[in-house]
Amino acid sequence: MTLKLRCEDYGFECQYEIDEEKSISTIEKLRNHFEEEHGIDYTVEAVTQMIQNRGHSLESIKK
């Protein structure tokens, strides 16, 4: 199953998008993007919570 994450869904005016098999590395890629492009150093846990708030279950994210 793939997980599609778009930066603009998290409040940024940015076209960055990840569409790949779900894994913890997908979350880390989004976290790294937030830090490198937007200067915000979120923890992996914070990004995971943000993704859950957008309607993904924890199981669907980390499997």
N, C-alpha and C. Protein backbone atom coordinates (compact mmCIF):
# COMPACT_ATOMS: atom_id res chain seq x y z
N MET A 1 0.84 -1.18 0.00
CA MET A 1 0.00 0.00 0.00
C MET A 1 0.89 1.24 0.00
N THR A 2 0.49 2.22 -0.78
CA THR A 2 1.28 3.45 -0.84
C THR A 2 0.70 4.51 0.08
N LEU A 3 1.55 5.42 0.43
CA LEU A 3 1.19 6.55 1.28
C LEU A 3 1.53 7.81 0.49
N LYS A 4 0.53 8.66 0.26
CA LYS A 4 0.75 9.89 -0.49
C LYS A 4 0.68 11.06 0.49
N LEU A 5 1.79 11.78 0.58
CA LEU A 5 1.88 12.92 1.49
C LEU A 5 2.27 14.15 0.68
N ARG A 6 1.51 15.22 0.84
CA ARG A 6 1.79 16.47 0.13
C ARG A 6 2.08 17.56 1.15
N CYS A 7 3.14 18.27 0.95
CA CYS A 7 3.55 19.31 1.88
C CYS A 7 2.45 20.35 2.07
N GLU A 8 1.75 20.69 1.02
CA GLU A 8 0.70 21.71 1.13
C GLU A 8 -0.43 21.26 2.04
N ASP A 9 -0.59 19.96 2.24
CA ASP A 9 -1.62 19.45 3.17
C ASP A 9 -1.28 19.76 4.62
N TYR A 10 -0.04 20.17 4.86
CA TYR A 10 0.42 20.45 6.22
C TYR A 10 0.67 21.94 6.43
N GLY A 11 0.06 22.76 5.57
CA GLY A 11 0.06 24.19 5.78
C GLY A 11 1.14 24.99 5.08
N PHE A 12 1.89 24.36 4.19
CA PHE A 12 2.95 25.06 3.49
C PHE A 12 2.55 25.32 2.05
N GLU A 13 2.98 26.43 1.50
CA GLU A 13 2.78 26.71 0.08
C GLU A 13 3.94 26.08 -0.66
N CYS A 14 3.82 24.79 -0.90
CA CYS A 14 4.93 24.00 -1.41
C CYS A 14 4.35 22.82 -2.18
N GLN A 15 4.95 22.48 -3.28
CA GLN A 15 4.46 21.40 -4.13
C GLN A 15 5.14 20.05 -3.86
N TYR A 16 5.96 19.97 -2.81
CA TYR A 16 6.65 18.72 -2.50
C TYR A 16 5.63 17.63 -2.21
N GLU A 17 5.89 16.44 -2.74
CA GLU A 17 4.97 15.32 -2.59
C GLU A 17 5.75 14.01 -2.50
N ILE A 18 5.30 13.14 -1.63
CA ILE A 18 5.85 11.79 -1.52
C ILE A 18 4.71 10.83 -1.82
N ASP A 19 4.95 9.89 -2.70
CA ASP A 19 3.95 8.88 -3.04
C ASP A 19 4.70 7.56 -3.19
N GLU A 20 4.77 6.81 -2.09
CA GLU A 20 5.56 5.58 -2.11
C GLU A 20 5.01 4.60 -1.08
N GLU A 21 5.60 3.41 -1.07
CA GLU A 21 5.19 2.40 -0.11
C GLU A 21 5.36 2.95 1.30
N LYS A 22 4.38 2.66 2.14
CA LYS A 22 4.42 3.19 3.50
C LYS A 22 5.55 2.55 4.30
N SER A 23 6.26 3.38 5.03
CA SER A 23 7.33 2.93 5.91
C SER A 23 7.76 4.10 6.77
N ILE A 24 8.55 3.81 7.77
CA ILE A 24 9.05 4.87 8.64
C ILE A 24 9.95 5.81 7.84
N SER A 25 10.61 5.31 6.79
CA SER A 25 11.47 6.18 5.99
C SER A 25 10.66 7.23 5.24
N THR A 26 9.40 6.92 4.93
CA THR A 26 8.53 7.90 4.29
C THR A 26 8.29 9.08 5.23
N ILE A 27 8.06 8.78 6.49
CA ILE A 27 7.86 9.83 7.50
C ILE A 27 9.15 10.63 7.66
N GLU A 28 10.27 9.96 7.68
CA GLU A 28 11.55 10.65 7.82
C GLU A 28 11.84 11.55 6.63
N LYS A 29 11.44 11.14 5.44
CA LYS A 29 11.62 11.98 4.25
C LYS A 29 10.82 13.27 4.38
N LEU A 30 9.58 13.16 4.85
CA LEU A 30 8.76 14.35 5.02
C LEU A 30 9.34 15.24 6.12
N ARG A 31 9.79 14.64 7.21
CA ARG A 31 10.40 15.39 8.30
C ARG A 31 11.65 16.13 7.81
N ASN A 32 12.48 15.44 7.04
CA ASN A 32 13.69 16.06 6.50
C ASN A 32 13.34 17.22 5.56
N HIS A 33 12.30 17.05 4.77
CA HIS A 33 11.88 18.12 3.88
C HIS A 33 11.44 19.35 4.69
N PHE A 34 10.64 19.13 5.73
CA PHE A 34 10.21 20.25 6.57
C PHE A 34 11.41 21.01 7.12
N GLU A 35 12.42 20.28 7.55
CA GLU A 35 13.61 20.92 8.12
C GLU A 35 14.44 21.63 7.06
N GLU A 36 14.73 20.95 5.97
CA GLU A 36 15.63 21.51 4.96
C GLU A 36 15.00 22.65 4.17
N GLU A 37 13.73 22.53 3.83
CA GLU A 37 13.10 23.53 2.98
C GLU A 37 12.34 24.62 3.75
N HIS A 38 11.86 24.27 4.94
CA HIS A 38 11.03 25.23 5.67
C HIS A 38 11.64 25.64 7.01
N GLY A 39 12.77 25.05 7.37
CA GLY A 39 13.48 25.44 8.58
C GLY A 39 12.80 25.02 9.88
N ILE A 40 11.95 24.00 9.81
CA ILE A 40 11.23 23.54 11.00
C ILE A 40 11.71 22.13 11.33
N ASP A 41 12.25 21.97 12.51
CA ASP A 41 12.83 20.69 12.93
C ASP A 41 11.83 19.91 13.78
N TYR A 42 10.88 19.26 13.10
CA TYR A 42 9.91 18.42 13.80
C TYR A 42 10.55 17.09 14.16
N THR A 43 10.09 16.47 15.23
CA THR A 43 10.50 15.11 15.54
C THR A 43 9.71 14.15 14.64
N VAL A 44 10.20 12.92 14.53
CA VAL A 44 9.47 11.90 13.77
C VAL A 44 8.09 11.69 14.40
N GLU A 45 8.03 11.74 15.72
CA GLU A 45 6.76 11.56 16.42
C GLU A 45 5.77 12.67 16.07
N ALA A 46 6.27 13.90 15.99
CA ALA A 46 5.40 15.03 15.64
C ALA A 46 4.86 14.90 14.22
N VAL A 47 5.72 14.49 13.30
CA VAL A 47 5.29 14.30 11.91
C VAL A 47 4.29 13.15 11.83
N THR A 48 4.54 12.09 12.58
CA THR A 48 3.59 10.97 12.62
C THR A 48 2.23 11.44 13.10
N GLN A 49 2.21 12.27 14.13
CA GLN A 49 0.95 12.81 14.65
C GLN A 49 0.27 13.69 13.61
N MET A 50 1.04 14.48 12.90
CA MET A 50 0.47 15.33 11.84
C MET A 50 -0.20 14.48 10.77
N ILE A 51 0.45 13.38 10.40
CA ILE A 51 -0.09 12.49 9.38
C ILE A 51 -1.37 11.84 9.89
N GLN A 52 -1.37 11.43 11.15
CA GLN A 52 -2.58 10.85 11.74
C GLN A 52 -3.71 11.87 11.76
N ASN A 53 -3.40 13.12 12.05
CA ASN A 53 -4.42 14.16 12.07
C ASN A 53 -5.04 14.39 10.70
N ARG A 54 -4.35 13.98 9.64
CA ARG A 54 -4.88 14.09 8.28
C ARG A 54 -5.70 12.87 7.89
N GLY A 55 -5.91 11.94 8.83
CA GLY A 55 -6.81 10.82 8.58
C GLY A 55 -6.17 9.47 8.37
N HIS A 56 -4.86 9.38 8.47
CA HIS A 56 -4.19 8.09 8.34
C HIS A 56 -4.09 7.45 9.72
N SER A 57 -4.34 6.15 9.79
CA SER A 57 -4.17 5.45 11.06
C SER A 57 -2.69 5.16 11.29
N LEU A 58 -2.33 4.97 12.54
CA LEU A 58 -0.94 4.65 12.87
C LEU A 58 -0.51 3.37 12.17
N GLU A 59 -1.41 2.40 12.10
CA GLU A 59 -1.10 1.14 11.43
C GLU A 59 -0.83 1.35 9.94
N SER A 60 -1.57 2.24 9.32
CA SER A 60 -1.39 2.47 7.88
C SER A 60 -0.10 3.22 7.59
N ILE A 61 0.44 3.90 8.58
CA ILE A 61 1.66 4.67 8.39
C ILE A 61 2.89 3.80 8.57
N LYS A 62 2.92 3.01 9.62
CA LYS A 62 4.15 2.35 10.04
C LYS A 62 4.31 0.92 9.57
N LYS A 63 3.36 0.35 8.88
CA LYS A 63 3.52 -1.03 8.42
C LYS A 63 4.49 -1.11 7.28
